[in-house]
Amino acid sequence: MSFYRHHVFICTNQRAAGDSCCNNHGASDLLAYMKDKVKALGLAGEGQVRVNKAGCLGRCDDGPLLVIYPQETWYTFIDEQDIDEIVEKHLLAGEIVERLKL
């Protein structure tokens, strides 16, 4: 069994100017937003949800992106509304957000 019910990794990789990367699309700001939202909902901690930044996850052309384990579900996202939907549907309700799934 996993230490966390959901472990979220958000790519915040920054590449050289002109190269495609998740951080060019605001990934660091949305990571902070997701962490705050998870904490505010009381979901953070052992046996619950952990949100971490990650370096390059190797799918730069699909970014920005995140992956949730142990379900191995990959998502792309654009804004806070997408993050809200992932939190509410996947992390709270256990439903895959098909429109954002990679």
C-alpha atoms as a PDB file:
ATOM      1  CA  MET A   1       0.000   0.000   0.000  1.00  0.00           C
ATOM      2  CA  SER A   2       1.184   3.500  -0.815  1.00  0.00           C
ATOM      3  CA  PHE A   3       2.183   5.882   1.988  1.00  0.00           C
ATOM      4  CA  TYR A   4      -0.195   8.437   0.436  1.00  0.00           C
ATOM      5  CA  ARG A   5      -3.625   7.759  -1.013  1.00  0.00           C
ATOM      6  CA  HIS A   6      -2.656  10.160  -3.817  1.00  0.00           C
ATOM      7  CA  HIS A   7       0.867  11.406  -4.529  1.00  0.00           C
ATOM      8  CA  VAL A   8       0.890  14.250  -7.064  1.00  0.00           C
ATOM      9  CA  PHE A   9       4.016  15.261  -8.982  1.00  0.00           C
ATOM     10  CA  ILE A  10       3.851  18.524 -10.947  1.00  0.00           C
ATOM     11  CA  CYS A  11       6.619  19.224 -13.441  1.00  0.00           C
ATOM     12  CA  THR A  12       8.198  22.621 -12.770  1.00  0.00           C
ATOM     13  CA  ASN A  13      11.178  22.143 -15.050  1.00  0.00           C
ATOM     14  CA  GLN A  14      12.675  25.305 -16.549  1.00  0.00           C
ATOM     15  CA  ARG A  15      14.611  24.931 -19.797  1.00  0.00           C
ATOM     16  CA  ALA A  16      16.703  27.446 -21.689  1.00  0.00           C
ATOM     17  CA  ALA A  17      14.874  30.312 -23.372  1.00  0.00           C
ATOM     18  CA  GLY A  18      12.946  29.135 -26.400  1.00  0.00           C
ATOM     19  CA  ASP A  19      12.775  25.481 -25.338  1.00  0.00           C
ATOM     20  CA  SER A  20       9.366  24.054 -24.443  1.00  0.00           C
ATOM     21  CA  CYS A  21       8.898  23.356 -20.740  1.00  0.00           C
ATOM     22  CA  CYS A  22       6.152  23.195 -18.132  1.00  0.00           C
ATOM     23  CA  ASN A  23       7.374  26.168 -16.130  1.00  0.00           C
ATOM     24  CA  ASN A  24       6.927  28.446 -19.159  1.00  0.00           C
ATOM     25  CA  HIS A  25       3.196  27.743 -18.733  1.00  0.00           C
ATOM     26  CA  GLY A  26       2.970  28.774 -15.066  1.00  0.00           C
ATOM     27  CA  ALA A  27       3.515  25.344 -13.521  1.00  0.00           C
ATOM     28  CA  SER A  28       5.258  26.687 -10.397  1.00  0.00           C
ATOM     29  CA  ASP A  29       2.394  29.055  -9.597  1.00  0.00           C
ATOM     30  CA  LEU A  30      -0.173  26.306 -10.143  1.00  0.00           C
ATOM     31  CA  LEU A  31       1.849  23.929  -7.959  1.00  0.00           C
ATOM     32  CA  ALA A  32       1.633  26.463  -5.117  1.00  0.00           C
ATOM     33  CA  TYR A  33      -2.088  26.889  -5.784  1.00  0.00           C
ATOM     34  CA  MET A  34      -2.708  23.128  -5.660  1.00  0.00           C
ATOM     35  CA  LYS A  35      -0.678  22.704  -2.458  1.00  0.00           C
ATOM     36  CA  ASP A  36      -2.646  25.486  -0.762  1.00  0.00           C
ATOM     37  CA  LYS A  37      -5.971  24.045  -1.946  1.00  0.00           C
ATOM     38  CA  VAL A  38      -5.121  20.530  -0.720  1.00  0.00           C
ATOM     39  CA  LYS A  39      -4.082  21.917   2.680  1.00  0.00           C
ATOM     40  CA  ALA A  40      -7.184  24.138   2.940  1.00  0.00           C
ATOM     41  CA  LEU A  41      -9.406  21.123   2.280  1.00  0.00           C
ATOM     42  CA  GLY A  42      -7.643  19.146   5.031  1.00  0.00           C
ATOM     43  CA  LEU A  43      -6.373  16.577   2.540  1.00  0.00           C
ATOM     44  CA  ALA A  44      -2.624  16.940   3.179  1.00  0.00           C
ATOM     45  CA  GLY A  45      -0.642  14.431   5.182  1.00  0.00           C
ATOM     46  CA  GLU A  46       0.154  10.800   5.770  1.00  0.00           C
ATOM     47  CA  GLY A  47      -2.417   8.469   4.264  1.00  0.00           C
ATOM     48  CA  GLN A  48      -3.992  11.313   2.313  1.00  0.00           C
ATOM     49  CA  VAL A  49      -2.553  13.577  -0.408  1.00  0.00           C
ATOM     50  CA  ARG A  50       0.969  14.838  -1.042  1.00  0.00           C
ATOM     51  CA  VAL A  51       1.749  17.406  -3.742  1.00  0.00           C
ATOM     52  CA  ASN A  52       5.393  17.655  -4.872  1.00  0.00           C
ATOM     53  CA  LYS A  53       7.277  19.540  -7.527  1.00  0.00           C
ATOM     54  CA  ALA A  54       9.169  17.439 -10.019  1.00  0.00           C
ATOM     55  CA  GLY A  55      11.897  18.054 -12.521  1.00  0.00           C
ATOM     56  CA  CYS A  56      11.370  17.110 -16.133  1.00  0.00           C
ATOM     57  CA  LEU A  57       8.924  14.229 -16.537  1.00  0.00           C
ATOM     58  CA  GLY A  58       9.897  13.749 -20.178  1.00  0.00           C
ATOM     59  CA  ARG A  59       6.655  14.880 -21.808  1.00  0.00           C
ATOM     60  CA  CYS A  60       7.465  18.552 -22.467  1.00  0.00           C
ATOM     61  CA  ASP A  61       5.296  18.832 -25.571  1.00  0.00           C
ATOM     62  CA  ASP A  62       2.229  17.807 -23.528  1.00  0.00           C
ATOM     63  CA  GLY A  63       2.839  20.281 -20.712  1.00  0.00           C
ATOM     64  CA  PRO A  64       2.230  21.666 -18.331  1.00  0.00           C
ATOM     65  CA  LEU A  65       1.527  18.346 -16.724  1.00  0.00           C
ATOM     66  CA  LEU A  66       1.238  16.357 -13.540  1.00  0.00           C
ATOM     67  CA  VAL A  67       1.016  12.699 -12.644  1.00  0.00           C
ATOM     68  CA  ILE A  68      -0.890  11.162  -9.731  1.00  0.00           C
ATOM     69  CA  TYR A  69       0.299   7.929  -8.115  1.00  0.00           C
ATOM     70  CA  PRO A  70      -0.461   5.189  -7.292  1.00  0.00           C
ATOM     71  CA  GLN A  71      -3.100   5.459 -10.040  1.00  0.00           C
ATOM     72  CA  GLU A  72      -0.441   6.449 -12.633  1.00  0.00           C
ATOM     73  CA  THR A  73      -2.801   9.054 -14.090  1.00  0.00           C
ATOM     74  CA  TRP A  74      -1.263  11.827 -16.206  1.00  0.00           C
ATOM     75  CA  TYR A  75      -3.002  15.184 -16.653  1.00  0.00           C
ATOM     76  CA  THR A  76      -2.370  18.398 -18.497  1.00  0.00           C
ATOM     77  CA  PHE A  77      -3.715  21.656 -17.072  1.00  0.00           C
ATOM     78  CA  ILE A  78      -3.904  25.327 -17.990  1.00  0.00           C
ATOM     79  CA  ASP A  79      -5.268  27.285 -15.045  1.00  0.00           C
ATOM     80  CA  GLU A  80      -6.641  27.219 -11.495  1.00  0.00           C
ATOM     81  CA  GLN A  81     -10.006  25.910 -12.735  1.00  0.00           C
ATOM     82  CA  ASP A  82      -8.283  22.824 -14.170  1.00  0.00           C
ATOM     83  CA  ILE A  83      -6.459  22.280 -10.867  1.00  0.00           C
ATOM     84  CA  ASP A  84      -9.754  22.698  -8.980  1.00  0.00           C
ATOM     85  CA  GLU A  85     -11.361  20.051 -11.200  1.00  0.00           C
ATOM     86  CA  ILE A  86      -8.496  17.592 -10.665  1.00  0.00           C
ATOM     87  CA  VAL A  87      -8.631  18.129  -6.886  1.00  0.00           C
ATOM     88  CA  GLU A  88     -12.410  17.852  -6.662  1.00  0.00           C
ATOM     89  CA  LYS A  89     -12.927  14.962  -9.052  1.00  0.00           C
ATOM     90  CA  HIS A  90      -9.747  12.873  -8.804  1.00  0.00           C
ATOM     91  CA  LEU A  91      -8.417  13.551  -5.314  1.00  0.00           C
ATOM     92  CA  LEU A  92     -11.769  13.884  -3.526  1.00  0.00           C
ATOM     93  CA  ALA A  93     -14.179  11.752  -5.559  1.00  0.00           C
ATOM     94  CA  GLY A  94     -11.790   9.218  -7.112  1.00  0.00           C
ATOM     95  CA  GLU A  95     -12.966  10.009 -10.653  1.00  0.00           C
ATOM     96  CA  ILE A  96     -10.665  10.420 -13.656  1.00  0.00           C
ATOM     97  CA  VAL A  97     -10.943  13.847 -15.308  1.00  0.00           C
ATOM     98  CA  GLU A  98     -11.130  12.560 -18.868  1.00  0.00           C
ATOM     99  CA  ARG A  99     -10.937  15.974 -20.562  1.00  0.00           C
ATOM    100  CA  LEU A 100      -7.521  16.674 -18.958  1.00  0.00           C
ATOM    101  CA  LYS A 101      -6.096  13.148 -19.061  1.00  0.00           C
ATOM    102  CA  LEU A 102      -3.077  12.449 -21.248  1.00  0.00           C
END
